[in-house]
């Protein structure tokens, strides 16, 4: 992304000078499910939650921009390390900008704990907010689009024609895109951390289930 695009994008964030410094490092690999079109909705979710729940917005700006800054393929056995690697990268960047260790560590924790695959419980309020905000972008209509986009990149089949709902087999989202609803997406709304996040998740989860059930009805 060129400098002009960064200069346009940074205006969406609080602390725009910080955002401008960090945005060039937001993605080492960019795809249509992990790019600025994901980053901005996550930030909007962060703001909606923080406006009710509180939280340090400077910490949240840094953690949001850098939460996907290291890419590891979802099929890789190293996938669970992605958020830790992103946290390390964030720490180096923020220390270079003169941030004190205690605030840098708060950003690092929020980034580490946002990831579903890392399974690190968020302790700080900022960590809880970022985790909720990121998961909100995985459900609802946007979540449906992102799910099938990633499946297309990996050349995954849409569904198992013999057993679309995985009633007689173990769900396998490496082979079938629709199975990802069962392995992850439909259960995400049960694990939100903040009251505001849970309310937002309930609405989006209902949309997600409606899509899933509609899909199954069409394929029989």
Protein backbone atom coordinates (compact mmCIF):
# COMPACT_ATOMS: atom_id res chain seq x y z
CA UNK A 1 0.00 0.00 0.00
CA UNK A 2 1.48 3.33 -1.02
CA UNK A 3 2.13 6.30 1.26
CA UNK A 4 -0.92 8.21 0.02
CA UNK A 5 -3.18 5.31 0.98
CA UNK A 6 -1.62 5.19 4.45
CA UNK A 7 -2.21 8.89 4.87
CA UNK A 8 -5.88 8.42 4.02
CA UNK A 9 -6.32 5.37 6.22
CA UNK A 10 -4.67 6.74 9.35
CA UNK A 11 -7.37 9.41 9.71
CA UNK A 12 -9.87 6.71 10.73
CA UNK A 13 -7.93 6.07 13.94
CA UNK A 14 -7.52 7.92 17.19
CA UNK A 15 -3.86 8.99 17.64
CA UNK A 16 -3.44 9.43 13.86
CA UNK A 17 0.30 10.08 14.06
CA UNK A 18 0.77 6.76 15.83
CA UNK A 19 -1.49 5.08 13.29
CA UNK A 20 0.52 6.54 10.40
CA UNK A 21 3.75 5.19 11.93
CA UNK A 22 2.33 1.69 12.45
CA UNK A 23 0.14 1.11 9.39
CA UNK A 24 3.06 0.27 7.05
CA UNK A 25 3.79 -2.67 9.37
CA UNK A 26 0.20 -3.91 9.73
CA UNK A 27 0.57 -6.88 7.36
CA UNK A 28 3.57 -8.83 6.16
CA UNK A 29 1.26 -10.82 3.87
CA UNK A 30 -2.05 -9.32 2.79
CA UNK A 31 -5.10 -11.16 1.47
CA UNK A 32 -8.75 -10.19 1.09
CA UNK A 33 -9.66 -11.54 4.53
CA UNK A 34 -6.67 -9.97 6.28
CA UNK A 35 -6.16 -6.48 4.92
CA UNK A 36 -7.42 -2.95 5.48
CA UNK A 37 -10.99 -4.13 4.82
CA UNK A 38 -10.60 -6.31 7.93
CA UNK A 39 -8.58 -3.81 9.94
CA UNK A 40 -11.10 -0.97 9.77
CA UNK A 41 -14.14 -3.03 10.85
CA UNK A 42 -12.11 -4.41 13.77
CA UNK A 43 -11.19 -0.86 14.77
CA UNK A 44 -14.83 0.25 14.54
CA UNK A 45 -15.80 -2.70 16.74
CA UNK A 46 -13.06 -1.74 19.20
CA UNK A 47 -14.41 1.80 19.41
CA UNK A 48 -18.01 0.66 19.92
CA UNK A 49 -16.98 -1.64 22.75
CA UNK A 50 -14.51 0.78 24.35
CA UNK A 51 -17.04 3.60 24.30
CA UNK A 52 -19.12 1.53 26.73
CA UNK A 53 -16.56 -0.59 28.57
CA UNK A 54 -13.64 1.85 28.77
CA UNK A 55 -10.02 0.96 28.06
CA UNK A 56 -6.84 2.78 27.06
CA UNK A 57 -7.47 3.90 23.48
CA UNK A 58 -3.79 4.45 22.63
CA UNK A 59 -3.04 0.86 23.61
CA UNK A 60 -6.03 -0.23 21.55
CA UNK A 61 -4.92 1.70 18.45
CA UNK A 62 -1.48 0.06 18.50
CA UNK A 63 -2.83 -3.42 19.24
CA UNK A 64 -5.55 -3.22 16.60
CA UNK A 65 -3.25 -2.07 13.80
CA UNK A 66 -0.62 -4.72 14.54
CA UNK A 67 -2.79 -7.67 15.59
CA UNK A 68 -2.38 -9.46 12.21
CA UNK A 69 1.10 -8.15 11.43
CA UNK A 70 2.62 -11.65 11.10
CA UNK A 71 0.89 -14.13 8.79
CA UNK A 72 0.98 -17.90 9.29
CA UNK A 73 -1.13 -20.12 7.04
CA UNK A 74 -4.21 -21.51 8.79
CA UNK A 75 -3.28 -25.02 7.68
CA UNK A 76 0.21 -24.77 9.19
CA UNK A 77 1.12 -26.56 12.40
CA UNK A 78 2.71 -23.24 13.43
CA UNK A 79 -0.59 -21.34 13.14
CA UNK A 80 -1.04 -21.00 16.91
CA UNK A 81 2.22 -19.01 17.09
CA UNK A 82 1.08 -16.22 14.76
CA UNK A 83 -0.25 -13.88 17.46
CA UNK A 84 2.88 -14.34 19.60
CA UNK A 85 5.06 -13.49 16.61
CA UNK A 86 2.88 -10.44 15.90
CA UNK A 87 3.20 -9.39 19.55
CA UNK A 88 6.99 -9.64 19.33
CA UNK A 89 6.99 -7.54 16.17
CA UNK A 90 4.74 -4.96 17.84
CA UNK A 91 7.05 -4.78 20.83
CA UNK A 92 10.06 -4.04 18.65
CA UNK A 93 8.20 -1.35 16.72
CA UNK A 94 6.85 0.40 19.80
CA UNK A 95 10.19 0.33 21.64
CA UNK A 96 11.76 1.91 18.55
CA UNK A 97 9.12 4.65 18.82
CA UNK A 98 10.14 5.28 22.43
CA UNK A 99 7.29 3.53 24.21
CA UNK A 100 8.00 2.45 27.80
CA UNK A 101 8.17 -1.27 28.55
CA UNK A 102 4.98 -1.39 30.60
CA UNK A 103 2.81 0.06 27.84
CA UNK A 104 4.53 -2.01 25.19
CA UNK A 105 3.78 -5.12 27.23
CA UNK A 106 0.10 -4.19 27.40
CA UNK A 107 -0.03 -4.01 23.60
CA UNK A 108 1.83 -7.29 23.32
CA UNK A 109 -0.62 -9.07 25.63
CA UNK A 110 -3.66 -7.78 23.75
CA UNK A 111 -2.22 -9.01 20.45
CA UNK A 112 -1.19 -12.40 21.86
CA UNK A 113 -4.60 -13.01 23.38
CA UNK A 114 -6.76 -11.95 20.43
CA UNK A 115 -6.12 -15.15 18.48
CA UNK A 116 -8.56 -18.06 18.57
CA UNK A 117 -5.86 -20.62 17.75
CA UNK A 118 -3.42 -19.32 20.40
CA UNK A 119 -5.98 -20.00 23.16
CA UNK A 120 -4.48 -17.35 25.48
CA UNK A 121 -7.10 -15.91 27.87
CA UNK A 122 -7.07 -12.10 27.80
CA UNK A 123 -6.39 -10.60 31.21
CA UNK A 124 -6.45 -6.87 30.49
CA UNK A 125 -9.52 -4.92 29.43
CA UNK A 126 -7.75 -3.96 26.20
CA UNK A 127 -7.05 -7.62 25.49
CA UNK A 128 -10.69 -8.50 26.04
CA UNK A 129 -11.86 -5.67 23.80
CA UNK A 130 -9.52 -6.57 20.94
CA UNK A 131 -10.43 -10.25 21.12
CA UNK A 132 -14.14 -9.41 21.00
CA UNK A 133 -13.69 -6.89 18.19
CA UNK A 134 -11.68 -9.30 16.03
CA UNK A 135 -14.14 -12.15 16.55
CA UNK A 136 -17.05 -9.93 15.62
CA UNK A 137 -15.53 -9.62 12.15
CA UNK A 138 -15.53 -13.43 11.87
CA UNK A 139 -19.30 -13.74 12.29
CA UNK A 140 -22.32 -12.13 10.65
CA UNK A 141 -22.43 -11.38 6.94
CA UNK A 142 -18.79 -10.26 6.83
CA UNK A 143 -17.77 -13.47 8.57
CA UNK A 144 -19.54 -15.53 5.91
CA UNK A 145 -17.70 -13.68 3.14
CA UNK A 146 -14.32 -14.03 4.86
CA UNK A 147 -14.87 -17.74 5.49
CA UNK A 148 -15.52 -18.52 1.84
CA UNK A 149 -12.81 -16.17 0.64
CA UNK A 150 -10.18 -18.03 2.68
CA UNK A 151 -11.60 -21.37 1.53
CA UNK A 152 -11.28 -20.22 -2.08
CA UNK A 153 -7.65 -19.23 -1.58
CA UNK A 154 -6.96 -22.73 -0.27
CA UNK A 155 -9.02 -24.38 -3.04
CA UNK A 156 -11.25 -25.95 -0.40
CA UNK A 157 -14.52 -27.59 -1.49
CA UNK A 158 -17.67 -25.71 -0.49
CA UNK A 159 -19.20 -28.72 1.30
CA UNK A 160 -19.25 -32.51 1.47
CA UNK A 161 -21.98 -33.58 -0.97
CA UNK A 162 -22.54 -36.85 0.92
CA UNK A 163 -22.93 -35.25 4.36
CA UNK A 164 -23.08 -31.42 4.18
CA UNK A 165 -23.91 -30.95 7.88
CA UNK A 166 -21.27 -33.44 9.08
CA UNK A 167 -23.82 -35.52 10.95
CA UNK A 168 -22.06 -38.85 10.22
CA UNK A 169 -18.41 -37.71 10.25
CA UNK A 170 -16.08 -35.37 12.07
CA UNK A 171 -16.24 -31.80 10.73
CA UNK A 172 -13.20 -31.04 8.59
CA UNK A 173 -12.75 -27.39 7.67
CA UNK A 174 -9.48 -28.09 5.86
CA UNK A 175 -11.46 -29.99 3.22
CA UNK A 176 -14.87 -28.28 3.36
CA UNK A 177 -15.62 -24.57 3.82
CA UNK A 178 -19.06 -25.15 5.33
CA UNK A 179 -17.54 -27.28 8.09
CA UNK A 180 -15.80 -24.18 9.43
CA UNK A 181 -19.17 -23.02 10.70
CA UNK A 182 -19.28 -26.13 12.89
CA UNK A 183 -15.62 -26.17 13.96
CA UNK A 184 -15.45 -22.49 14.90
CA UNK A 185 -17.86 -19.83 13.72
CA UNK A 186 -21.17 -20.98 15.20
CA UNK A 187 -19.62 -21.31 18.66
CA UNK A 188 -17.71 -18.04 18.74
CA UNK A 189 -20.50 -15.98 20.29
CA UNK A 190 -20.35 -18.10 23.47
CA UNK A 191 -16.85 -16.91 24.37
CA UNK A 192 -17.02 -13.13 24.22
CA UNK A 193 -15.38 -11.28 27.09
CA UNK A 194 -17.25 -8.00 27.47
CA UNK A 195 -21.00 -7.37 27.94
CA UNK A 196 -21.02 -5.04 24.93
CA UNK A 197 -19.18 -7.58 22.81
CA UNK A 198 -21.61 -10.31 23.82
CA UNK A 199 -24.60 -8.20 22.80
CA UNK A 200 -23.07 -7.43 19.42
CA UNK A 201 -22.08 -11.07 18.95
CA UNK A 202 -25.59 -12.35 19.63
CA UNK A 203 -26.96 -10.33 16.74
CA UNK A 204 -24.25 -11.38 14.30
CA UNK A 205 -24.35 -15.00 15.37
CA UNK A 206 -28.06 -15.12 14.56
CA UNK A 207 -27.25 -13.89 11.06
CA UNK A 208 -24.52 -16.50 10.72
CA UNK A 209 -26.83 -19.35 11.79
CA UNK A 210 -29.52 -18.15 9.41
CA UNK A 211 -27.05 -18.35 6.54
CA UNK A 212 -25.78 -21.78 7.58
CA UNK A 213 -29.27 -23.23 7.87
CA UNK A 214 -30.28 -21.66 4.56
CA UNK A 215 -27.25 -23.15 2.85
CA UNK A 216 -28.08 -26.61 4.20
CA UNK A 217 -31.70 -26.29 3.09
CA UNK A 218 -30.58 -25.58 -0.48
CA UNK A 219 -28.16 -28.51 -0.70
CA UNK A 220 -30.64 -30.92 0.85
